[in-house]
PDB file of all heavy atoms in Angstrom:
ATOM      1  N   ALA A   1     -16.451 -12.460  31.277  1.00  0.00           N
ATOM      2  CA  ALA A   1     -15.836 -11.626  30.244  1.00  0.00           C
ATOM      3  C   ALA A   1     -16.853 -11.249  29.167  1.00  0.00           C
ATOM      4  O   ALA A   1     -16.869 -10.104  28.694  1.00  0.00           O
ATOM      5  CB  ALA A   1     -14.650 -12.353  29.623  1.00  0.00           C
ATOM      6  N   PHE A   2     -17.702 -12.189  28.778  1.00  0.00           N
ATOM      7  CA  PHE A   2     -18.739 -11.884  27.788  1.00  0.00           C
ATOM      8  C   PHE A   2     -19.770 -10.906  28.357  1.00  0.00           C
ATOM      9  O   PHE A   2     -20.288 -10.036  27.633  1.00  0.00           O
ATOM     10  CB  PHE A   2     -19.439 -13.164  27.314  1.00  0.00           C
ATOM     11  CG  PHE A   2     -18.692 -13.921  26.250  1.00  0.00           C
ATOM     12  CD1 PHE A   2     -18.294 -15.231  26.459  1.00  0.00           C
ATOM     13  CD2 PHE A   2     -18.383 -13.320  25.034  1.00  0.00           C
ATOM     14  CE1 PHE A   2     -17.600 -15.924  25.478  1.00  0.00           C
ATOM     15  CE2 PHE A   2     -17.686 -14.012  24.043  1.00  0.00           C
ATOM     16  CZ  PHE A   2     -17.290 -15.321  24.271  1.00  0.00           C
ATOM     17  N   GLU A   3     -20.079 -11.037  29.647  1.00  0.00           N
ATOM     18  CA  GLU A   3     -20.995 -10.089  30.296  1.00  0.00           C
ATOM     19  C   GLU A   3     -20.421  -8.673  30.255  1.00  0.00           C
ATOM     20  O   GLU A   3     -21.134  -7.708  29.982  1.00  0.00           O
ATOM     21  CB  GLU A   3     -21.254 -10.517  31.743  1.00  0.00           C
ATOM     22  CG  GLU A   3     -22.164 -11.724  31.883  1.00  0.00           C
ATOM     23  CD  GLU A   3     -22.326 -12.163  33.332  1.00  0.00           C
ATOM     24  OE1 GLU A   3     -21.491 -11.745  34.174  1.00  0.00           O
ATOM     25  OE2 GLU A   3     -23.267 -12.917  33.617  1.00  0.00           O
ATOM     26  N   GLN A   4     -19.103  -8.568  30.541  1.00  0.00           N
ATOM     27  CA  GLN A   4     -18.445  -7.262  30.501  1.00  0.00           C
ATOM     28  C   GLN A   4     -18.453  -6.692  29.085  1.00  0.00           C
ATOM     29  O   GLN A   4     -18.708  -5.494  28.884  1.00  0.00           O
ATOM     30  CB  GLN A   4     -17.005  -7.393  31.005  1.00  0.00           C
ATOM     31  CG  GLN A   4     -16.167  -6.126  30.915  1.00  0.00           C
ATOM     32  CD  GLN A   4     -16.709  -4.975  31.753  1.00  0.00           C
ATOM     33  OE1 GLN A   4     -17.538  -5.181  32.645  1.00  0.00           O
ATOM     34  NE2 GLN A   4     -16.268  -3.762  31.466  1.00  0.00           N
ATOM     35  N   ALA A   5     -18.196  -7.542  28.090  1.00  0.00           N
ATOM     36  CA  ALA A   5     -18.214  -7.093  26.694  1.00  0.00           C
ATOM     37  C   ALA A   5     -19.603  -6.601  26.308  1.00  0.00           C
ATOM     38  O   ALA A   5     -19.750  -5.568  25.633  1.00  0.00           O
ATOM     39  CB  ALA A   5     -17.782  -8.227  25.773  1.00  0.00           C
ATOM     40  N   ALA A   6     -20.641  -7.323  26.745  1.00  0.00           N
ATOM     41  CA  ALA A   6     -22.017  -6.925  26.441  1.00  0.00           C
ATOM     42  C   ALA A   6     -22.332  -5.557  27.044  1.00  0.00           C
ATOM     43  O   ALA A   6     -22.977  -4.710  26.408  1.00  0.00           O
ATOM     44  CB  ALA A   6     -22.999  -7.974  26.962  1.00  0.00           C
ATOM     45  N   ARG A   7     -21.853  -5.323  28.280  1.00  0.00           N
ATOM     46  CA  ARG A   7     -22.073  -4.016  28.919  1.00  0.00           C
ATOM     47  C   ARG A   7     -21.366  -2.909  28.146  1.00  0.00           C
ATOM     48  O   ARG A   7     -21.915  -1.813  27.970  1.00  0.00           O
ATOM     49  CB  ARG A   7     -21.571  -4.050  30.369  1.00  0.00           C
ATOM     50  CG  ARG A   7     -22.481  -4.768  31.332  1.00  0.00           C
ATOM     51  CD  ARG A   7     -22.138  -4.453  32.789  1.00  0.00           C
ATOM     52  NE  ARG A   7     -20.849  -5.008  33.149  1.00  0.00           N
ATOM     53  CZ  ARG A   7     -20.669  -6.229  33.646  1.00  0.00           C
ATOM     54  NH1 ARG A   7     -21.695  -7.029  33.830  1.00  0.00           N
ATOM     55  NH2 ARG A   7     -19.461  -6.649  33.973  1.00  0.00           N
ATOM     56  N   LEU A   8     -20.153  -3.190  27.665  1.00  0.00           N
ATOM     57  CA  LEU A   8     -19.413  -2.188  26.888  1.00  0.00           C
ATOM     58  C   LEU A   8     -20.136  -1.846  25.588  1.00  0.00           C
ATOM     59  O   LEU A   8     -20.169  -0.678  25.174  1.00  0.00           O
ATOM     60  CB  LEU A   8     -18.002  -2.704  26.596  1.00  0.00           C
ATOM     61  CG  LEU A   8     -17.045  -2.751  27.789  1.00  0.00           C
ATOM     62  CD1 LEU A   8     -15.788  -3.527  27.426  1.00  0.00           C
ATOM     63  CD2 LEU A   8     -16.686  -1.342  28.249  1.00  0.00           C
ATOM     64  N   PHE A   9     -20.716  -2.848  24.948  1.00  0.00           N
ATOM     65  CA  PHE A   9     -21.462  -2.584  23.713  1.00  0.00           C
ATOM     66  C   PHE A   9     -22.746  -1.786  23.993  1.00  0.00           C
ATOM     67  O   PHE A   9     -23.155  -0.947  23.194  1.00  0.00           O
ATOM     68  CB  PHE A   9     -21.801  -3.886  22.989  1.00  0.00           C
ATOM     69  CG  PHE A   9     -20.623  -4.491  22.260  1.00  0.00           C
ATOM     70  CD1 PHE A   9     -20.221  -5.788  22.502  1.00  0.00           C
ATOM     71  CD2 PHE A   9     -19.908  -3.748  21.323  1.00  0.00           C
ATOM     72  CE1 PHE A   9     -19.138  -6.343  21.843  1.00  0.00           C
ATOM     73  CE2 PHE A   9     -18.822  -4.286  20.652  1.00  0.00           C
ATOM     74  CZ  PHE A   9     -18.440  -5.589  20.913  1.00  0.00           C
ATOM     75  N   THR A  10     -23.354  -2.035  25.153  1.00  0.00           N
ATOM     76  CA  THR A  10     -24.535  -1.256  25.544  1.00  0.00           C
ATOM     77  C   THR A  10     -24.155   0.209  25.752  1.00  0.00           C
ATOM     78  O   THR A  10     -24.869   1.121  25.301  1.00  0.00           O
ATOM     79  CB  THR A  10     -25.148  -1.823  26.834  1.00  0.00           C
ATOM     80  OG1 THR A  10     -25.575  -3.169  26.606  1.00  0.00           O
ATOM     81  CG2 THR A  10     -26.349  -0.987  27.277  1.00  0.00           C
ATOM     82  N   GLU A  11     -23.020   0.437  26.413  1.00  0.00           N
ATOM     83  CA  GLU A  11     -22.542   1.807  26.627  1.00  0.00           C
ATOM     84  C   GLU A  11     -22.187   2.476  25.289  1.00  0.00           C
ATOM     85  O   GLU A  11     -22.452   3.664  25.089  1.00  0.00           O
ATOM     86  CB  GLU A  11     -21.322   1.794  27.544  1.00  0.00           C
ATOM     87  CG  GLU A  11     -21.637   1.385  28.977  1.00  0.00           C
ATOM     88  CD  GLU A  11     -20.383   1.162  29.810  1.00  0.00           C
ATOM     89  OE1 GLU A  11     -19.297   1.594  29.366  1.00  0.00           O
ATOM     90  OE2 GLU A  11     -20.485   0.551  30.889  1.00  0.00           O
ATOM     91  N   THR A  12     -21.596   1.706  24.388  1.00  0.00           N
ATOM     92  CA  THR A  12     -21.248   2.214  23.065  1.00  0.00           C
ATOM     93  C   THR A  12     -22.499   2.669  22.317  1.00  0.00           C
ATOM     94  O   THR A  12     -22.517   3.735  21.692  1.00  0.00           O
ATOM     95  CB  THR A  12     -20.539   1.121  22.241  1.00  0.00           C
ATOM     96  OG1 THR A  12     -19.365   0.716  22.930  1.00  0.00           O
ATOM     97  CG2 THR A  12     -20.158   1.634  20.858  1.00  0.00           C
ATOM     98  N   LYS A  13     -23.548   1.848  22.385  1.00  0.00           N
ATOM     99  CA  LYS A  13     -24.794   2.180  21.696  1.00  0.00           C
ATOM    100  C   LYS A  13     -25.381   3.482  22.233  1.00  0.00           C
ATOM    101  O   LYS A  13     -25.812   4.357  21.461  1.00  0.00           O
ATOM    102  CB  LYS A  13     -25.799   1.039  21.852  1.00  0.00           C
ATOM    103  CG  LYS A  13     -27.116   1.303  21.130  1.00  0.00           C
ATOM    104  CD  LYS A  13     -28.069   0.123  21.260  1.00  0.00           C
ATOM    105  CE  LYS A  13     -29.376   0.410  20.537  1.00  0.00           C
ATOM    106  NZ  LYS A  13     -30.311  -0.736  20.617  1.00  0.00           N
ATOM    107  N   LYS A  14     -25.394   3.622  23.554  1.00  0.00           N
ATOM    108  CA  LYS A  14     -25.940   4.846  24.157  1.00  0.00           C
ATOM    109  C   LYS A  14     -25.142   6.066  23.706  1.00  0.00           C
ATOM    110  O   LYS A  14     -25.723   7.117  23.388  1.00  0.00           O
ATOM    111  CB  LYS A  14     -25.903   4.730  25.684  1.00  0.00           C
ATOM    112  CG  LYS A  14     -26.898   3.739  26.250  1.00  0.00           C
ATOM    113  CD  LYS A  14     -26.767   3.647  27.767  1.00  0.00           C
ATOM    114  CE  LYS A  14     -27.746   2.651  28.355  1.00  0.00           C
ATOM    115  NZ  LYS A  14     -27.574   2.512  29.833  1.00  0.00           N
ATOM    116  N   SER A  15     -23.834   5.920  23.673  1.00  0.00           N
ATOM    117  CA  SER A  15     -22.968   7.026  23.253  1.00  0.00           C
ATOM    118  C   SER A  15     -23.237   7.419  21.797  1.00  0.00           C
ATOM    119  O   SER A  15     -23.337   8.599  21.468  1.00  0.00           O
ATOM    120  CB  SER A  15     -21.505   6.625  23.437  1.00  0.00           C
ATOM    121  OG  SER A  15     -20.651   7.666  22.994  1.00  0.00           O
ATOM    122  N   LEU A  16     -23.349   6.413  20.934  1.00  0.00           N
ATOM    123  CA  LEU A  16     -23.609   6.674  19.512  1.00  0.00           C
ATOM    124  C   LEU A  16     -24.969   7.343  19.315  1.00  0.00           C
ATOM    125  O   LEU A  16     -25.102   8.285  18.528  1.00  0.00           O
ATOM    126  CB  LEU A  16     -23.560   5.365  18.721  1.00  0.00           C
ATOM    127  CG  LEU A  16     -22.172   4.795  18.434  1.00  0.00           C
ATOM    128  CD1 LEU A  16     -22.279   3.343  17.952  1.00  0.00           C
ATOM    129  CD2 LEU A  16     -21.457   5.635  17.391  1.00  0.00           C
ATOM    130  N   GLN A  17     -25.972   6.844  20.026  1.00  0.00           N
ATOM    131  CA  GLN A  17     -27.317   7.418  19.903  1.00  0.00           C
ATOM    132  C   GLN A  17     -27.349   8.874  20.369  1.00  0.00           C
ATOM    133  O   GLN A  17     -28.036   9.711  19.787  1.00  0.00           O
ATOM    134  CB  GLN A  17     -28.322   6.585  20.698  1.00  0.00           C
ATOM    135  CG  GLN A  17     -28.643   5.250  20.059  1.00  0.00           C
ATOM    136  CD  GLN A  17     -29.533   4.384  20.933  1.00  0.00           C
ATOM    137  OE1 GLN A  17     -29.462   4.434  22.169  1.00  0.00           O
ATOM    138  NE2 GLN A  17     -30.377   3.580  20.306  1.00  0.00           N
ATOM    139  N   THR A  18     -26.571   9.167  21.427  1.00  0.00           N
ATOM    140  CA  THR A  18     -26.514  10.536  21.952  1.00  0.00           C
ATOM    141  C   THR A  18     -25.891  11.485  20.934  1.00  0.00           C
ATOM    142  O   THR A  18     -26.358  12.621  20.752  1.00  0.00           O
ATOM    143  CB  THR A  18     -25.689  10.572  23.253  1.00  0.00           C
ATOM    144  OG1 THR A  18     -26.311   9.722  24.217  1.00  0.00           O
ATOM    145  CG2 THR A  18     -25.607  11.984  23.793  1.00  0.00           C
ATOM    146  N   GLN A  19     -24.862  11.021  20.251  1.00  0.00           N
ATOM    147  CA  GLN A  19     -24.124  11.878  19.318  1.00  0.00           C
ATOM    148  C   GLN A  19     -24.729  11.925  17.922  1.00  0.00           C
ATOM    149  O   GLN A  19     -24.460  12.864  17.160  1.00  0.00           O
ATOM    150  CB  GLN A  19     -22.668  11.385  19.219  1.00  0.00           C
ATOM    151  CG  GLN A  19     -21.900  11.469  20.519  1.00  0.00           C
ATOM    152  CD  GLN A  19     -21.810  12.894  21.051  1.00  0.00           C
ATOM    153  OE1 GLN A  19     -21.620  13.839  20.290  1.00  0.00           O
ATOM    154  NE2 GLN A  19     -21.966  13.046  22.365  1.00  0.00           N
ATOM    155  N   LEU A  20     -25.532  10.915  17.578  1.00  0.00           N
ATOM    156  CA  LEU A  20     -26.045  10.796  16.211  1.00  0.00           C
ATOM    157  C   LEU A  20     -26.801  12.042  15.753  1.00  0.00           C
ATOM    158  O   LEU A  20     -26.632  12.524  14.627  1.00  0.00           O
ATOM    159  CB  LEU A  20     -26.944   9.557  16.096  1.00  0.00           C
ATOM    160  CG  LEU A  20     -27.328   9.124  14.671  1.00  0.00           C
ATOM    161  CD1 LEU A  20     -26.077   8.780  13.860  1.00  0.00           C
ATOM    162  CD2 LEU A  20     -28.267   7.912  14.722  1.00  0.00           C
ATOM    163  N   GLY A  21     -27.629  12.569  16.636  1.00  0.00           N
ATOM    164  CA  GLY A  21     -28.418  13.746  16.276  1.00  0.00           C
ATOM    165  C   GLY A  21     -27.595  15.004  16.087  1.00  0.00           C
ATOM    166  O   GLY A  21     -28.056  15.977  15.467  1.00  0.00           O
ATOM    167  N   LYS A  22     -26.366  15.009  16.599  1.00  0.00           N
ATOM    168  CA  LYS A  22     -25.504  16.189  16.499  1.00  0.00           C
ATOM    169  C   LYS A  22     -24.618  16.170  15.254  1.00  0.00           C
ATOM    170  O   LYS A  22     -23.975  17.172  14.935  1.00  0.00           O
ATOM    171  CB  LYS A  22     -24.613  16.281  17.746  1.00  0.00           C
ATOM    172  CG  LYS A  22     -25.390  16.330  19.056  1.00  0.00           C
ATOM    173  CD  LYS A  22     -24.440  16.279  20.241  1.00  0.00           C
ATOM    174  CE  LYS A  22     -25.200  16.224  21.570  1.00  0.00           C
ATOM    175  NZ  LYS A  22     -24.266  16.135  22.721  1.00  0.00           N
ATOM    176  N   ILE A  23     -24.573  15.030  14.561  1.00  0.00           N
ATOM    177  CA  ILE A  23     -23.700  14.901  13.387  1.00  0.00           C
ATOM    178  C   ILE A  23     -24.379  15.503  12.160  1.00  0.00           C
ATOM    179  O   ILE A  23     -25.510  15.133  11.823  1.00  0.00           O
ATOM    180  CB  ILE A  23     -23.348  13.415  13.136  1.00  0.00           C
ATOM    181  CG1 ILE A  23     -22.618  12.822  14.348  1.00  0.00           C
ATOM    182  CG2 ILE A  23     -22.491  13.267  11.879  1.00  0.00           C
ATOM    183  CD1 ILE A  23     -22.387  11.323  14.253  1.00  0.00           C
ATOM    184  N   GLU A  24     -23.681  16.394  11.507  1.00  0.00           N
ATOM    185  CA  GLU A  24     -24.241  17.048  10.328  1.00  0.00           C
ATOM    186  C   GLU A  24     -23.708  16.455   9.023  1.00  0.00           C
ATOM    187  O   GLU A  24     -24.427  16.422   8.020  1.00  0.00           O
ATOM    188  CB  GLU A  24     -23.940  18.554  10.375  1.00  0.00           C
ATOM    189  CG  GLU A  24     -24.618  19.255  11.560  1.00  0.00           C
ATOM    190  CD  GLU A  24     -24.315  20.740  11.588  1.00  0.00           C
ATOM    191  OE1 GLU A  24     -23.560  21.211  10.715  1.00  0.00           O
ATOM    192  OE2 GLU A  24     -24.833  21.425  12.498  1.00  0.00           O
ATOM    193  N   ASP A  25     -22.456  16.022   9.022  1.00  0.00           N
ATOM    194  CA  ASP A  25     -21.869  15.446   7.807  1.00  0.00           C
ATOM    195  C   ASP A  25     -22.572  14.130   7.456  1.00  0.00           C
ATOM    196  O   ASP A  25     -22.688  13.236   8.297  1.00  0.00           O
ATOM    197  CB  ASP A  25     -20.375  15.194   8.027  1.00  0.00           C
ATOM    198  CG  ASP A  25     -19.712  14.630   6.781  1.00  0.00           C
ATOM    199  OD1 ASP A  25     -19.381  15.420   5.882  1.00  0.00           O
ATOM    200  OD2 ASP A  25     -19.545  13.391   6.718  1.00  0.00           O
ATOM    201  N   LEU A  26     -23.045  14.002   6.209  1.00  0.00           N
ATOM    202  CA  LEU A  26     -23.843  12.848   5.794  1.00  0.00           C
ATOM    203  C   LEU A  26     -23.044  11.543   5.882  1.00  0.00           C
ATOM    204  O   LEU A  26     -23.557  10.535   6.390  1.00  0.00           O
ATOM    205  CB  LEU A  26     -24.351  13.040   4.360  1.00  0.00           C
ATOM    206  CG  LEU A  26     -25.263  11.921   3.818  1.00  0.00           C
ATOM    207  CD1 LEU A  26     -26.504  11.754   4.685  1.00  0.00           C
ATOM    208  CD2 LEU A  26     -25.667  12.229   2.370  1.00  0.00           C
ATOM    209  N   ASP A  27     -21.796  11.550   5.389  1.00  0.00           N
ATOM    210  CA  ASP A  27     -20.968  10.337   5.421  1.00  0.00           C
ATOM    211  C   ASP A  27     -20.702   9.899   6.856  1.00  0.00           C
ATOM    212  O   ASP A  27     -20.747   8.705   7.176  1.00  0.00           O
ATOM    213  CB  ASP A  27     -19.639  10.585   4.707  1.00  0.00           C
ATOM    214  CG  ASP A  27     -19.807  10.697   3.205  1.00  0.00           C
ATOM    215  OD1 ASP A  27     -20.849  10.229   2.691  1.00  0.00           O
ATOM    216  OD2 ASP A  27     -18.915  11.260   2.538  1.00  0.00           O
ATOM    217  N   GLU A  28     -20.437  10.874   7.708  1.00  0.00           N
ATOM    218  CA  GLU A  28     -20.169  10.554   9.105  1.00  0.00           C
ATOM    219  C   GLU A  28     -21.416   9.991   9.777  1.00  0.00           C
ATOM    220  O   GLU A  28     -21.346   9.081  10.596  1.00  0.00           O
ATOM    221  CB  GLU A  28     -19.693  11.812   9.837  1.00  0.00           C
ATOM    222  CG  GLU A  28     -19.095  11.524  11.213  1.00  0.00           C
ATOM    223  CD  GLU A  28     -18.525  12.776  11.863  1.00  0.00           C
ATOM    224  OE1 GLU A  28     -18.242  13.751  11.134  1.00  0.00           O
ATOM    225  OE2 GLU A  28     -18.379  12.757  13.089  1.00  0.00           O
ATOM    226  N   LYS A  29     -22.563  10.549   9.405  1.00  0.00           N
ATOM    227  CA  LYS A  29     -23.833  10.089   9.978  1.00  0.00           C
ATOM    228  C   LYS A  29     -24.124   8.645   9.557  1.00  0.00           C
ATOM    229  O   LYS A  29     -24.576   7.824  10.358  1.00  0.00           O
ATOM    230  CB  LYS A  29     -24.967  11.004   9.513  1.00  0.00           C
ATOM    231  CG  LYS A  29     -26.226  10.947  10.382  1.00  0.00           C
ATOM    232  CD  LYS A  29     -27.237  11.954   9.888  1.00  0.00           C
ATOM    233  CE  LYS A  29     -28.380  12.121  10.881  1.00  0.00           C
ATOM    234  NZ  LYS A  29     -27.984  12.868  12.082  1.00  0.00           N
ATOM    235  N   GLN A  30     -23.843   8.333   8.271  1.00  0.00           N
ATOM    236  CA  GLN A  30     -24.051   6.975   7.775  1.00  0.00           C
ATOM    237  C   GLN A  30     -23.119   5.988   8.483  1.00  0.00           C
ATOM    238  O   GLN A  30     -23.513   4.863   8.809  1.00  0.00           O
ATOM    239  CB  GLN A  30     -23.816   6.925   6.260  1.00  0.00           C
ATOM    240  CG  GLN A  30     -24.940   7.583   5.452  1.00  0.00           C
ATOM    241  CD  GLN A  30     -24.656   7.576   3.957  1.00  0.00           C
ATOM    242  OE1 GLN A  30     -23.509   7.463   3.532  1.00  0.00           O
ATOM    243  NE2 GLN A  30     -25.710   7.697   3.160  1.00  0.00           N
ATOM    244  N   MET A  31     -21.874   6.427   8.720  1.00  0.00           N
ATOM    245  CA  MET A  31     -20.916   5.570   9.413  1.00  0.00           C
ATOM    246  C   MET A  31     -21.378   5.289  10.842  1.00  0.00           C
ATOM    247  O   MET A  31     -21.311   4.159  11.329  1.00  0.00           O
ATOM    248  CB  MET A  31     -19.537   6.218   9.445  1.00  0.00           C
ATOM    249  CG  MET A  31     -18.457   5.334  10.068  1.00  0.00           C
ATOM    250  SD  MET A  31     -16.826   6.079  10.038  1.00  0.00           S
ATOM    251  CE  MET A  31     -17.026   7.345  11.294  1.00  0.00           C
ATOM    252  N   ALA A  32     -21.879   6.317  11.517  1.00  0.00           N
ATOM    253  CA  ALA A  32     -22.363   6.151  12.891  1.00  0.00           C
ATOM    254  C   ALA A  32     -23.582   5.222  12.938  1.00  0.00           C
ATOM    255  O   ALA A  32     -23.717   4.392  13.844  1.00  0.00           O
ATOM    256  CB  ALA A  32     -22.709   7.502  13.488  1.00  0.00           C
ATOM    257  N   THR A  33     -24.459   5.345  11.934  1.00  0.00           N
ATOM    258  CA  THR A  33     -25.640   4.486  11.844  1.00  0.00           C
ATOM    259  C   THR A  33     -25.228   3.027  11.632  1.00  0.00           C
ATOM    260  O   THR A  33     -25.795   2.113  12.236  1.00  0.00           O
ATOM    261  CB  THR A  33     -26.557   4.937  10.694  1.00  0.00           C
ATOM    262  OG1 THR A  33     -26.947   6.300  10.907  1.00  0.00           O
ATOM    263  CG2 THR A  33     -27.816   4.076  10.625  1.00  0.00           C
ATOM    264  N   SER A  34     -24.231   2.842  10.759  1.00  0.00           N
ATOM    265  CA  SER A  34     -23.707   1.494  10.511  1.00  0.00           C
ATOM    266  C   SER A  34     -23.085   0.916  11.783  1.00  0.00           C
ATOM    267  O   SER A  34     -23.259  -0.273  12.090  1.00  0.00           O
ATOM    268  CB  SER A  34     -22.671   1.546   9.393  1.00  0.00           C
ATOM    269  OG  SER A  34     -22.086   0.277   9.197  1.00  0.00           O
ATOM    270  N   MET A  35     -22.380   1.766  12.528  1.00  0.00           N
ATOM    271  CA  MET A  35     -21.771   1.313  13.778  1.00  0.00           C
ATOM    272  C   MET A  35     -22.831   0.912  14.804  1.00  0.00           C
ATOM    273  O   MET A  35     -22.623  -0.022  15.595  1.00  0.00           O
ATOM    274  CB  MET A  35     -20.876   2.414  14.357  1.00  0.00           C
ATOM    275  CG  MET A  35     -19.573   2.602  13.588  1.00  0.00           C
ATOM    276  SD  MET A  35     -18.622   4.021  14.205  1.00  0.00           S
ATOM    277  CE  MET A  35     -18.174   3.426  15.831  1.00  0.00           C
ATOM    278  N   LEU A  36     -23.965   1.609  14.789  1.00  0.00           N
ATOM    279  CA  LEU A  36     -25.061   1.259  15.694  1.00  0.00           C
ATOM    280  C   LEU A  36     -25.559  -0.156  15.413  1.00  0.00           C
ATOM    281  O   LEU A  36     -25.778  -0.947  16.336  1.00  0.00           O
ATOM    282  CB  LEU A  36     -26.221   2.257  15.527  1.00  0.00           C
ATOM    283  CG  LEU A  36     -26.276   3.431  16.493  1.00  0.00           C
ATOM    284  CD1 LEU A  36     -27.394   4.385  16.103  1.00  0.00           C
ATOM    285  CD2 LEU A  36     -26.457   2.948  17.930  1.00  0.00           C
ATOM    286  N   LYS A  37     -25.731  -0.468  14.119  1.00  0.00           N
ATOM    287  CA  LYS A  37     -26.193  -1.806  13.734  1.00  0.00           C
ATOM    288  C   LYS A  37     -25.177  -2.859  14.165  1.00  0.00           C
ATOM    289  O   LYS A  37     -25.538  -3.894  14.734  1.00  0.00           O
ATOM    290  CB  LYS A  37     -26.403  -1.876  12.216  1.00  0.00           C
ATOM    291  CG  LYS A  37     -26.840  -3.254  11.726  1.00  0.00           C
ATOM    292  CD  LYS A  37     -26.915  -3.321  10.206  1.00  0.00           C
ATOM    293  CE  LYS A  37     -27.238  -4.746   9.750  1.00  0.00           C
ATOM    294  NZ  LYS A  37     -27.251  -4.866   8.259  1.00  0.00           N
ATOM    295  N   THR A  38     -23.906  -2.571  13.911  1.00  0.00           N
ATOM    296  CA  THR A  38     -22.844  -3.509  14.278  1.00  0.00           C
ATOM    297  C   THR A  38     -22.790  -3.727  15.788  1.00  0.00           C
ATOM    298  O   THR A  38     -22.610  -4.850  16.267  1.00  0.00           O
ATOM    299  CB  THR A  38     -21.475  -2.992  13.786  1.00  0.00           C
ATOM    300  OG1 THR A  38     -21.529  -2.804  12.377  1.00  0.00           O
ATOM    301  CG2 THR A  38     -20.371  -3.969  14.119  1.00  0.00           C
ATOM    302  N   THR A  39     -22.965  -2.644  16.534  1.00  0.00           N
ATOM    303  CA  THR A  39     -22.951  -2.730  17.995  1.00  0.00           C
ATOM    304  C   THR A  39     -24.077  -3.623  18.503  1.00  0.00           C
ATOM    305  O   THR A  39     -23.881  -4.437  19.402  1.00  0.00           O
ATOM    306  CB  THR A  39     -23.070  -1.324  18.612  1.00  0.00           C
ATOM    307  OG1 THR A  39     -21.950  -0.541  18.196  1.00  0.00           O
ATOM    308  CG2 THR A  39     -23.090  -1.383  20.132  1.00  0.00           C
ATOM    309  N   ASP A  40     -25.268  -3.480  17.900  1.00  0.00           N
ATOM    310  CA  ASP A  40     -26.403  -4.330  18.283  1.00  0.00           C
ATOM    311  C   ASP A  40     -26.093  -5.805  18.032  1.00  0.00           C
ATOM    312  O   ASP A  40     -26.373  -6.659  18.878  1.00  0.00           O
ATOM    313  CB  ASP A  40     -27.654  -3.929  17.486  1.00  0.00           C
ATOM    314  CG  ASP A  40     -28.373  -2.743  18.098  1.00  0.00           C
ATOM    315  OD1 ASP A  40     -28.205  -2.507  19.308  1.00  0.00           O
ATOM    316  OD2 ASP A  40     -29.098  -2.049  17.375  1.00  0.00           O
ATOM    317  N   LEU A  41     -25.515  -6.085  16.862  1.00  0.00           N
ATOM    318  CA  LEU A  41     -25.196  -7.477  16.518  1.00  0.00           C
ATOM    319  C   LEU A  41     -24.143  -8.049  17.456  1.00  0.00           C
ATOM    320  O   LEU A  41     -24.237  -9.212  17.877  1.00  0.00           O
ATOM    321  CB  LEU A  41     -24.715  -7.558  15.068  1.00  0.00           C
ATOM    322  CG  LEU A  41     -25.783  -7.332  13.986  1.00  0.00           C
ATOM    323  CD1 LEU A  41     -25.146  -7.333  12.595  1.00  0.00           C
ATOM    324  CD2 LEU A  41     -26.866  -8.414  14.059  1.00  0.00           C
ATOM    325  N   ARG A  42     -23.138  -7.245  17.776  1.00  0.00           N
ATOM    326  CA  ARG A  42     -22.078  -7.725  18.670  1.00  0.00           C
ATOM    327  C   ARG A  42     -22.614  -7.944  20.090  1.00  0.00           C
ATOM    328  O   ARG A  42     -22.184  -8.860  20.791  1.00  0.00           O
ATOM    329  CB  ARG A  42     -20.904  -6.751  18.671  1.00  0.00           C
ATOM    330  CG  ARG A  42     -20.124  -6.774  17.359  1.00  0.00           C
ATOM    331  CD  ARG A  42     -18.901  -5.884  17.419  1.00  0.00           C
ATOM    332  NE  ARG A  42     -18.157  -5.918  16.168  1.00  0.00           N
ATOM    333  CZ  ARG A  42     -17.262  -6.832  15.833  1.00  0.00           C
ATOM    334  NH1 ARG A  42     -17.002  -7.820  16.669  1.00  0.00           N
ATOM    335  NH2 ARG A  42     -16.626  -6.787  14.682  1.00  0.00           N
ATOM    336  N   HIS A  43     -23.551  -7.100  20.497  1.00  0.00           N
ATOM    337  CA  HIS A  43     -24.183  -7.288  21.806  1.00  0.00           C
ATOM    338  C   HIS A  43     -24.962  -8.601  21.821  1.00  0.00           C
ATOM    339  O   HIS A  43     -24.870  -9.390  22.780  1.00  0.00           O
ATOM    340  CB  HIS A  43     -25.114  -6.115  22.119  1.00  0.00           C
ATOM    341  CG  HIS A  43     -25.798  -6.250  23.448  1.00  0.00           C
ATOM    342  ND1 HIS A  43     -27.005  -6.904  23.592  1.00  0.00           N
ATOM    343  CD2 HIS A  43     -25.437  -5.843  24.691  1.00  0.00           C
ATOM    344  CE1 HIS A  43     -27.362  -6.878  24.870  1.00  0.00           C
ATOM    345  NE2 HIS A  43     -26.428  -6.247  25.554  1.00  0.00           N
ATOM    346  N   GLU A  44     -25.720  -8.845  20.731  1.00  0.00           N
ATOM    347  CA  GLU A  44     -26.469 -10.096  20.620  1.00  0.00           C
ATOM    348  C   GLU A  44     -25.540 -11.298  20.636  1.00  0.00           C
ATOM    349  O   GLU A  44     -25.829 -12.328  21.246  1.00  0.00           O
ATOM    350  CB  GLU A  44     -27.295 -10.094  19.320  1.00  0.00           C
ATOM    351  CG  GLU A  44     -28.557  -9.266  19.366  1.00  0.00           C
ATOM    352  CD  GLU A  44     -29.633  -9.952  20.184  1.00  0.00           C
ATOM    353  OE1 GLU A  44     -30.252 -10.904  19.695  1.00  0.00           O
ATOM    354  OE2 GLU A  44     -29.837  -9.531  21.344  1.00  0.00           O
ATOM    355  N   TYR A  45     -24.402 -11.158  19.968  1.00  0.00           N
ATOM    356  CA  TYR A  45     -23.409 -12.232  19.931  1.00  0.00           C
ATOM    357  C   TYR A  45     -22.914 -12.542  21.341  1.00  0.00           C
ATOM    358  O   TYR A  45     -22.804 -13.709  21.729  1.00  0.00           O
ATOM    359  CB  TYR A  45     -22.239 -11.829  19.034  1.00  0.00           C
ATOM    360  CG  TYR A  45     -21.092 -12.822  19.026  1.00  0.00           C
ATOM    361  CD1 TYR A  45     -21.169 -13.990  18.274  1.00  0.00           C
ATOM    362  CD2 TYR A  45     -19.944 -12.589  19.780  1.00  0.00           C
ATOM    363  CE1 TYR A  45     -20.122 -14.911  18.272  1.00  0.00           C
ATOM    364  CE2 TYR A  45     -18.889 -13.499  19.780  1.00  0.00           C
ATOM    365  CZ  TYR A  45     -18.985 -14.655  19.024  1.00  0.00           C
ATOM    366  OH  TYR A  45     -17.949 -15.557  19.030  1.00  0.00           O
TER     367      TYR A  45
END
């Protein structure tokens, strides 16, 4: 189950990174950047 969760967080990170460059709104961009950091930490967990 933890392996599956780790894979989901890896997929989440790829998705966020793909979309990050397309976001123009500053607040939305900051939120996506924060989510990237959180995703990395949860993957490490």
